C-alpha atoms as a PDB file:
ATOM      1  CA  MET A   1    -208.423-182.790  -7.201  1.00  0.00           C
ATOM      2  CA  ARG A   2    -206.594-186.120  -6.818  1.00  0.00           C
ATOM      3  CA  VAL A   3    -202.824-185.834  -7.116  1.00  0.00           C
ATOM      4  CA  ASP A   4    -201.077-189.179  -6.677  1.00  0.00           C
ATOM      5  CA  GLY A   5    -203.680-190.209  -4.148  1.00  0.00           C
ATOM      6  CA  LEU A   6    -203.736-186.814  -2.414  1.00  0.00           C
ATOM      7  CA  ARG A   7    -206.067-183.887  -2.201  1.00  0.00           C
ATOM      8  CA  ARG A   8    -204.806-180.323  -2.016  1.00  0.00           C
ATOM      9  CA  VAL A   9    -205.575-178.577   1.239  1.00  0.00           C
ATOM     10  CA  PRO A  10    -206.759-174.950   1.079  1.00  0.00           C
ATOM     11  CA  ALA A  11    -204.001-173.721   3.384  1.00  0.00           C
ATOM     12  CA  VAL A  12    -200.847-174.129   1.371  1.00  0.00           C
ATOM     13  CA  VAL A  13    -197.666-172.223   1.894  1.00  0.00           C
ATOM     14  CA  VAL A  14    -197.520-171.215  -1.748  1.00  0.00           C
ATOM     15  CA  THR A  15    -199.406-173.058  -4.495  1.00  0.00           C
ATOM     16  CA  LEU A  16    -197.732-174.523  -7.545  1.00  0.00           C
ATOM     17  CA  ALA A  17    -199.058-173.976 -11.026  1.00  0.00           C
ATOM     18  CA  ALA A  18    -199.308-177.739 -11.480  1.00  0.00           C
ATOM     19  CA  VAL A  19    -198.347-180.996  -9.803  1.00  0.00           C
ATOM     20  CA  THR A  20    -197.683-184.081 -11.889  1.00  0.00           C
ATOM     21  CA  LEU A  21    -199.933-187.117 -11.649  1.00  0.00           C
ATOM     22  CA  LEU A  22    -197.137-189.618 -11.268  1.00  0.00           C
ATOM     23  CA  ALA A  23    -194.910-189.415  -8.223  1.00  0.00           C
ATOM     24  CA  GLY A  24    -191.740-187.412  -8.715  1.00  0.00           C
ATOM     25  CA  CYS A  25    -191.526-183.923 -10.108  1.00  0.00           C
ATOM     26  CA  GLY A  26    -189.064-182.115 -12.349  1.00  0.00           C
ATOM     27  CA  GLY A  27    -185.374-182.575 -11.733  1.00  0.00           C
ATOM     28  CA  GLU A  28    -182.110-183.113 -13.531  1.00  0.00           C
ATOM     29  CA  GLY A  29    -178.982-185.173 -13.181  1.00  0.00           C
ATOM     30  CA  SER A  30    -176.855-187.877 -14.784  1.00  0.00           C
ATOM     31  CA  GLY A  31    -178.541-190.646 -16.713  1.00  0.00           C
ATOM     32  CA  ASP A  32    -176.960-193.438 -14.625  1.00  0.00           C
ATOM     33  CA  GLY A  33    -178.433-192.581 -11.238  1.00  0.00           C
ATOM     34  CA  GLY A  34    -179.224-190.007  -8.580  1.00  0.00           C
ATOM     35  CA  SER A  35    -176.816-187.497  -7.145  1.00  0.00           C
ATOM     36  CA  GLY A  36    -174.242-188.856  -4.710  1.00  0.00           C
ATOM     37  CA  ALA A  37    -174.910-192.445  -5.798  1.00  0.00           C
ATOM     38  CA  VAL A  38    -172.629-195.123  -4.342  1.00  0.00           C
ATOM     39  CA  THR A  39    -172.346-198.808  -5.134  1.00  0.00           C
ATOM     40  CA  GLY A  40    -174.066-201.286  -2.828  1.00  0.00           C
ATOM     41  CA  ASP A  41    -177.407-202.792  -1.903  1.00  0.00           C
ATOM     42  CA  SER A  42    -178.156-200.017   0.550  1.00  0.00           C
ATOM     43  CA  ALA A  43    -175.925-197.195   1.684  1.00  0.00           C
ATOM     44  CA  LYS A  44    -175.490-196.984   5.441  1.00  0.00           C
ATOM     45  CA  GLY A  45    -174.914-193.708   7.241  1.00  0.00           C
ATOM     46  CA  LYS A  46    -173.829-192.711  10.729  1.00  0.00           C
ATOM     47  CA  SER A  47    -176.674-191.491  12.883  1.00  0.00           C
ATOM     48  CA  ALA A  48    -176.317-187.773  13.431  1.00  0.00           C
ATOM     49  CA  GLY A  49    -179.580-187.183  15.303  1.00  0.00           C
ATOM     50  CA  ARG A  50    -180.666-188.226  18.732  1.00  0.00           C
ATOM     51  CA  THR A  51    -182.597-191.477  19.269  1.00  0.00           C
ATOM     52  CA  SER A  52    -186.284-191.220  20.029  1.00  0.00           C
ATOM     53  CA  ASP A  53    -188.386-194.166  21.210  1.00  0.00           C
ATOM     54  CA  ASP A  54    -191.745-192.486  20.655  1.00  0.00           C
ATOM     55  CA  PRO A  55    -193.204-192.627  17.123  1.00  0.00           C
ATOM     56  CA  LEU A  56    -194.307-189.337  15.626  1.00  0.00           C
ATOM     57  CA  ASP A  57    -197.993-188.584  15.163  1.00  0.00           C
ATOM     58  CA  ALA A  58    -199.322-186.609  12.183  1.00  0.00           C
ATOM     59  CA  ALA A  59    -198.675-183.219  13.800  1.00  0.00           C
ATOM     60  CA  GLY A  60    -195.215-184.262  14.949  1.00  0.00           C
ATOM     61  CA  LEU A  61    -194.312-185.514  11.486  1.00  0.00           C
ATOM     62  CA  GLU A  62    -195.512-182.272   9.944  1.00  0.00           C
ATOM     63  CA  SER A  63    -193.272-180.378  12.369  1.00  0.00           C
ATOM     64  CA  VAL A  64    -190.180-182.183  11.036  1.00  0.00           C
ATOM     65  CA  ALA A  65    -191.149-181.720   7.392  1.00  0.00           C
ATOM     66  CA  VAL A  66    -189.066-179.167   5.512  1.00  0.00           C
ATOM     67  CA  ALA A  67    -190.727-175.728   5.470  1.00  0.00           C
ATOM     68  CA  GLU A  68    -190.274-172.354   3.802  1.00  0.00           C
ATOM     69  CA  ALA A  69    -188.020-171.203   6.641  1.00  0.00           C
ATOM     70  CA  ASP A  70    -185.657-174.074   5.818  1.00  0.00           C
ATOM     71  CA  LEU A  71    -185.638-173.349   2.073  1.00  0.00           C
ATOM     72  CA  PRO A  72    -186.494-169.652   1.623  1.00  0.00           C
ATOM     73  CA  GLU A  73    -185.634-169.718  -2.095  1.00  0.00           C
ATOM     74  CA  TYR A  74    -188.262-172.391  -2.772  1.00  0.00           C
ATOM     75  CA  THR A  75    -191.999-172.328  -3.376  1.00  0.00           C
ATOM     76  CA  PHE A  76    -194.058-174.866  -1.417  1.00  0.00           C
ATOM     77  CA  THR A  77    -197.288-176.779  -1.887  1.00  0.00           C
ATOM     78  CA  VAL A  78    -198.295-178.595   1.310  1.00  0.00           C
ATOM     79  CA  PHE A  79    -200.651-181.575   1.106  1.00  0.00           C
ATOM     80  CA  LYS A  80    -203.002-183.153   3.591  1.00  0.00           C
ATOM     81  CA  GLN A  81    -201.375-184.934   6.521  1.00  0.00           C
ATOM     82  CA  GLY A  82    -202.719-188.079   8.160  1.00  0.00           C
ATOM     83  CA  THR A  83    -202.218-191.810   8.556  1.00  0.00           C
ATOM     84  CA  VAL A  84    -202.675-192.686   4.878  1.00  0.00           C
ATOM     85  CA  LEU A  85    -202.244-190.110   2.126  1.00  0.00           C
ATOM     86  CA  GLY A  86    -202.987-192.264  -0.898  1.00  0.00           C
ATOM     87  CA  THR A  87    -205.282-195.074  -1.970  1.00  0.00           C
ATOM     88  CA  LYS A  88    -204.674-198.527  -3.355  1.00  0.00           C
ATOM     89  CA  GLY A  89    -205.345-198.947  -7.037  1.00  0.00           C
ATOM     90  CA  LYS A  90    -205.588-202.016  -9.241  1.00  0.00           C
ATOM     91  CA  PRO A  91    -202.811-204.458  -8.264  1.00  0.00           C
ATOM     92  CA  ALA A  92    -199.596-204.184 -10.236  1.00  0.00           C
ATOM     93  CA  GLU A  93    -198.903-206.906 -12.775  1.00  0.00           C
ATOM     94  CA  PRO A  94    -196.616-208.697 -12.046  1.00  0.00           C
ATOM     95  CA  ALA A  95    -197.195-208.556  -8.291  1.00  0.00           C
ATOM     96  CA  THR A  96    -193.462-208.370  -7.551  1.00  0.00           C
ATOM     97  CA  CYS A  97    -193.585-204.741  -8.716  1.00  0.00           C
ATOM     98  CA  GLN A  98    -196.311-203.731  -6.252  1.00  0.00           C
ATOM     99  CA  PRO A  99    -193.997-201.929  -3.760  1.00  0.00           C
ATOM    100  CA  MET A 100    -193.029-199.352  -6.432  1.00  0.00           C
ATOM    101  CA  GLU A 101    -196.683-198.820  -7.301  1.00  0.00           C
ATOM    102  CA  ASP A 102    -197.451-198.365  -3.591  1.00  0.00           C
ATOM    103  CA  ILE A 103    -194.757-195.689  -3.375  1.00  0.00           C
ATOM    104  CA  ARG A 104    -196.198-193.946  -6.442  1.00  0.00           C
ATOM    105  CA  LEU A 105    -199.691-193.983  -4.936  1.00  0.00           C
ATOM    106  CA  ARG A 106    -198.422-192.938  -1.469  1.00  0.00           C
ATOM    107  CA  SER A 107    -199.904-196.058   0.073  1.00  0.00           C
ATOM    108  CA  PRO A 108    -196.877-198.060   1.276  1.00  0.00           C
ATOM    109  CA  GLU A 109    -196.748-201.460   2.949  1.00  0.00           C
ATOM    110  CA  PRO A 110    -196.426-201.740   5.850  1.00  0.00           C
ATOM    111  CA  ALA A 111    -198.820-198.868   6.476  1.00  0.00           C
ATOM    112  CA  PRO A 112    -197.336-195.953   8.463  1.00  0.00           C
ATOM    113  CA  SER A 113    -198.720-194.560  11.701  1.00  0.00           C
ATOM    114  CA  ALA A 114    -198.544-191.027  10.257  1.00  0.00           C
ATOM    115  CA  ALA A 115    -197.742-189.368   6.932  1.00  0.00           C
ATOM    116  CA  ALA A 116    -197.117-185.905   5.486  1.00  0.00           C
ATOM    117  CA  ALA A 117    -196.304-184.581   2.011  1.00  0.00           C
ATOM    118  CA  ARG A 118    -195.323-181.470   0.115  1.00  0.00           C
ATOM    119  CA  SER A 119    -193.914-180.426  -3.266  1.00  0.00           C
ATOM    120  CA  VAL A 120    -191.193-177.784  -3.588  1.00  0.00           C
ATOM    121  CA  HIS A 121    -189.530-175.991  -6.482  1.00  0.00           C
ATOM    122  CA  PRO A 122    -187.082-173.101  -6.807  1.00  0.00           C
ATOM    123  CA  LYS A 123    -188.836-169.747  -7.102  1.00  0.00           C
ATOM    124  CA  MET A 124    -187.008-169.119 -10.366  1.00  0.00           C
ATOM    125  CA  ASP A 125    -187.666-172.585 -11.797  1.00  0.00           C
ATOM    126  CA  THR A 126    -190.512-175.078 -12.218  1.00  0.00           C
ATOM    127  CA  LYS A 127    -188.499-178.249 -11.578  1.00  0.00           C
ATOM    128  CA  ALA A 128    -190.166-179.635  -8.483  1.00  0.00           C
ATOM    129  CA  THR A 129    -189.281-182.275  -5.923  1.00  0.00           C
ATOM    130  CA  ASP A 130    -192.006-184.231  -4.141  1.00  0.00           C
ATOM    131  CA  ILE A 131    -191.325-185.110  -0.503  1.00  0.00           C
ATOM    132  CA  THR A 132    -193.388-187.660   1.406  1.00  0.00           C
ATOM    133  CA  LEU A 133    -192.673-188.553   5.038  1.00  0.00           C
ATOM    134  CA  TYR A 134    -193.847-191.676   6.851  1.00  0.00           C
ATOM    135  CA  ALA A 135    -193.633-192.375  10.595  1.00  0.00           C
ATOM    136  CA  TYR A 136    -193.665-195.968  11.843  1.00  0.00           C
ATOM    137  CA  ALA A 137    -194.154-197.430  15.290  1.00  0.00           C
ATOM    138  CA  THR A 138    -190.765-199.153  15.140  1.00  0.00           C
ATOM    139  CA  ALA A 139    -187.549-198.970  13.138  1.00  0.00           C
ATOM    140  CA  ALA A 140    -188.196-202.584  12.096  1.00  0.00           C
ATOM    141  CA  ASP A 141    -191.374-201.517  10.280  1.00  0.00           C
ATOM    142  CA  ALA A 142    -189.486-198.774   8.462  1.00  0.00           C
ATOM    143  CA  GLU A 143    -186.723-201.238   7.560  1.00  0.00           C
ATOM    144  CA  ASP A 144    -189.391-203.608   6.212  1.00  0.00           C
ATOM    145  CA  LEU A 145    -190.609-200.919   3.818  1.00  0.00           C
ATOM    146  CA  LEU A 146    -187.117-200.311   2.432  1.00  0.00           C
ATOM    147  CA  THR A 147    -186.486-204.050   2.102  1.00  0.00           C
ATOM    148  CA  ARG A 148    -189.699-204.515   0.131  1.00  0.00           C
ATOM    149  CA  VAL A 149    -188.984-201.639  -2.222  1.00  0.00           C
ATOM    150  CA  ARG A 150    -185.315-202.575  -2.660  1.00  0.00           C
ATOM    151  CA  ASP A 151    -186.129-206.202  -3.490  1.00  0.00           C
ATOM    152  CA  ALA A 152    -188.885-205.151  -5.878  1.00  0.00           C
ATOM    153  CA  ALA A 153    -186.647-202.672  -7.708  1.00  0.00           C
ATOM    154  CA  LYS A 154    -184.039-205.401  -8.224  1.00  0.00           C
ATOM    155  CA  SER A 155    -186.474-208.017  -9.535  1.00  0.00           C
ATOM    156  CA  CYS A 156    -188.975-205.853 -11.424  1.00  0.00           C
ATOM    157  CA  THR A 157    -188.083-204.606 -14.895  1.00  0.00           C
ATOM    158  CA  GLY A 158    -191.532-203.320 -15.808  1.00  0.00           C
ATOM    159  CA  TYR A 159    -195.196-203.658 -14.934  1.00  0.00           C
ATOM    160  CA  GLU A 160    -198.751-202.572 -15.664  1.00  0.00           C
ATOM    161  CA  ASP A 161    -199.909-199.965 -13.165  1.00  0.00           C
ATOM    162  CA  ASP A 162    -203.411-199.168 -11.940  1.00  0.00           C
ATOM    163  CA  MET A 163    -204.004-196.848 -14.923  1.00  0.00           C
ATOM    164  CA  GLY A 164    -203.109-199.521 -17.446  1.00  0.00           C
ATOM    165  CA  LEU A 165    -199.758-197.889 -18.245  1.00  0.00           C
ATOM    166  CA  ASN A 166    -196.540-199.873 -18.564  1.00  0.00           C
ATOM    167  CA  PRO A 167    -193.514-198.169 -16.984  1.00  0.00           C
ATOM    168  CA  THR A 168    -190.125-199.860 -17.018  1.00  0.00           C
ATOM    169  CA  VAL A 169    -188.122-200.012 -13.781  1.00  0.00           C
ATOM    170  CA  THR A 170    -184.381-199.793 -13.150  1.00  0.00           C
ATOM    171  CA  ALA A 171    -182.712-200.174  -9.758  1.00  0.00           C
ATOM    172  CA  LEU A 172    -179.988-197.562  -9.165  1.00  0.00           C
ATOM    173  CA  ALA A 173    -176.864-197.530  -7.035  1.00  0.00           C
ATOM    174  CA  ALA A 174    -177.748-196.719  -3.450  1.00  0.00           C
ATOM    175  CA  PRO A 175    -177.262-193.013  -2.691  1.00  0.00           C
ATOM    176  CA  ASP A 176    -175.390-191.755   0.355  1.00  0.00           C
ATOM    177  CA  PRO A 177    -178.001-191.529   3.164  1.00  0.00           C
ATOM    178  CA  GLY A 178    -176.185-188.590   4.764  1.00  0.00           C
ATOM    179  CA  PRO A 179    -177.268-188.237   8.404  1.00  0.00           C
ATOM    180  CA  ALA A 180    -179.891-190.980   7.984  1.00  0.00           C
ATOM    181  CA  ASP A 181    -179.470-194.761   8.272  1.00  0.00           C
ATOM    182  CA  GLU A 182    -179.967-196.210   4.794  1.00  0.00           C
ATOM    183  CA  ALA A 183    -181.162-195.243   1.334  1.00  0.00           C
ATOM    184  CA  LEU A 184    -182.129-196.744  -2.009  1.00  0.00           C
ATOM    185  CA  ALA A 185    -183.012-195.366  -5.423  1.00  0.00           C
ATOM    186  CA  TYR A 186    -184.713-196.471  -8.622  1.00  0.00           C
ATOM    187  CA  LYS A 187    -186.287-194.968 -11.720  1.00  0.00           C
ATOM    188  CA  ARG A 188    -189.452-195.605 -13.707  1.00  0.00           C
ATOM    189  CA  GLU A 189    -189.549-194.697 -17.392  1.00  0.00           C
ATOM    190  CA  LEU A 190    -192.799-194.011 -19.200  1.00  0.00           C
ATOM    191  CA  ALA A 191    -193.584-192.243 -22.483  1.00  0.00           C
ATOM    192  CA  GLY A 192    -190.264-190.420 -22.727  1.00  0.00           C
ATOM    193  CA  THR A 193    -190.256-189.304 -19.084  1.00  0.00           C
ATOM    194  CA  VAL A 194    -188.156-190.657 -16.229  1.00  0.00           C
ATOM    195  CA  HIS A 195    -189.651-190.663 -12.728  1.00  0.00           C
ATOM    196  CA  TRP A 196    -186.850-190.841 -10.149  1.00  0.00           C
ATOM    197  CA  SER A 197    -187.389-192.054  -6.585  1.00  0.00           C
ATOM    198  CA  ARG A 198    -185.116-191.992  -3.553  1.00  0.00           C
ATOM    199  CA  VAL A 199    -186.267-193.704  -0.333  1.00  0.00           C
ATOM    200  CA  VAL A 200    -184.357-192.923   2.871  1.00  0.00           C
ATOM    201  CA  ARG A 201    -184.809-194.347   6.376  1.00  0.00           C
ATOM    202  CA  SER A 202    -183.965-192.474   9.559  1.00  0.00           C
ATOM    203  CA  GLY A 203    -184.761-194.657  12.552  1.00  0.00           C
ATOM    204  CA  SER A 204    -188.492-195.397  12.446  1.00  0.00           C
ATOM    205  CA  ASN A 205    -189.170-192.677   9.861  1.00  0.00           C
ATOM    206  CA  VAL A 206    -188.951-192.784   6.074  1.00  0.00           C
ATOM    207  CA  ALA A 207    -188.563-189.948   3.565  1.00  0.00           C
ATOM    208  CA  VAL A 208    -189.450-190.479  -0.098  1.00  0.00           C
ATOM    209  CA  PHE A 209    -188.137-187.983  -2.658  1.00  0.00           C
ATOM    210  CA  GLY A 210    -189.488-187.977  -6.195  1.00  0.00           C
ATOM    211  CA  TRP A 211    -188.791-185.896  -9.297  1.00  0.00           C
ATOM    212  CA  GLN A 212    -188.905-186.295 -13.072  1.00  0.00           C
ATOM    213  CA  SER A 213    -186.996-185.473 -16.231  1.00  0.00           C
ATOM    214  CA  LEU A 214    -187.127-186.202 -19.934  1.00  0.00           C
ATOM    215  CA  VAL A 215    -185.401-189.403 -21.045  1.00  0.00           C
ATOM    216  CA  ALA A 216    -183.648-187.483 -23.829  1.00  0.00           C
ATOM    217  CA  HIS A 217    -182.229-184.871 -21.461  1.00  0.00           C
ATOM    218  CA  LYS A 218    -178.449-185.229 -21.259  1.00  0.00           C
ATOM    219  CA  LYS A 219    -178.624-184.568 -17.509  1.00  0.00           C
ATOM    220  CA  ALA A 220    -181.229-186.638 -15.731  1.00  0.00           C
ATOM    221  CA  GLY A 221    -181.483-187.989 -12.218  1.00  0.00           C
ATOM    222  CA  GLU A 222    -180.476-185.282  -9.775  1.00  0.00           C
ATOM    223  CA  ALA A 223    -182.761-183.587  -7.301  1.00  0.00           C
ATOM    224  CA  PRO A 224    -181.407-180.425  -5.628  1.00  0.00           C
ATOM    225  CA  ASP A 225    -178.932-181.439  -2.912  1.00  0.00           C
ATOM    226  CA  GLU A 226    -180.132-178.624  -0.661  1.00  0.00           C
ATOM    227  CA  VAL A 227    -183.678-180.009  -0.642  1.00  0.00           C
ATOM    228  CA  ILE A 228    -182.672-183.539   0.300  1.00  0.00           C
ATOM    229  CA  THR A 229    -180.067-182.355   2.813  1.00  0.00           C
ATOM    230  CA  ALA A 230    -182.435-179.903   4.516  1.00  0.00           C
ATOM    231  CA  GLN A 231    -185.151-182.525   4.881  1.00  0.00           C
ATOM    232  CA  LEU A 232    -182.893-185.309   6.135  1.00  0.00           C
ATOM    233  CA  GLU A 233    -181.094-183.077   8.627  1.00  0.00           C
ATOM    234  CA  LYS A 234    -184.368-181.802  10.028  1.00  0.00           C
ATOM    235  CA  LEU A 235    -185.824-185.301  10.213  1.00  0.00           C
ATOM    236  CA  THR A 236    -182.814-186.860  11.926  1.00  0.00           C
ATOM    237  CA  GLU A 237    -182.147-183.996  14.341  1.00  0.00           C
ATOM    238  CA  THR A 238    -185.733-183.880  15.538  1.00  0.00           C
ATOM    239  CA  ALA A 239    -186.951-187.439  15.196  1.00  0.00           C
ATOM    240  CA  GLY A 240    -183.689-189.314  15.728  1.00  0.00           C
ATOM    241  CA  THR A 241    -182.099-192.279  13.991  1.00  0.00           C
ATOM    242  CA  ASP A 242    -181.055-195.775  15.041  1.00  0.00           C
END
């Protein structure tokens, strides 16, 4: 079954009842941005992890992905790992919005050298957070991805995606990157649902967090802090930052 350009693998940690088609799964927060949002083009953080010159391969990236041992109160669905997790669809219209569509389809430009993905939700709740990790050969390649997405989020107000749907796009204040190097955030609204995305760079690696909420919900835009913190700390401690 195709889920945002992915196929489920048989060996999952724990399977979810369902995974949404569009990137970003259930979450809540404030309607004006993600949790910990700060003003600026891109929040810069102090590197807490060690520097590593060697890019991660698929197995190495999977080893730094958050796991059940890191979040024992969460249920996990683990997706196929590899170089490319998604597939390109029909080009976005207008083309300036393509980087957001690439993030949704898990097929970013520039293409990563390795990728891994999972979806997690609290055992007592169904509000899930999607996590996708990308490893690049150099930090410059990872920076290029964030620049493309940041510029697109600022200039794109809406587009037609590869399914013929027309989400609107809003750039959000850059969230605190924590132990990572830089972060950005934006939201896509479609048919009464908001799809929130946070993209964070740590050295030559990128983490994409996605979740969703109803537009009408009085709290919209926050993914669980413990999920984002656990993933970024594990990524930076193991893989390093600039």
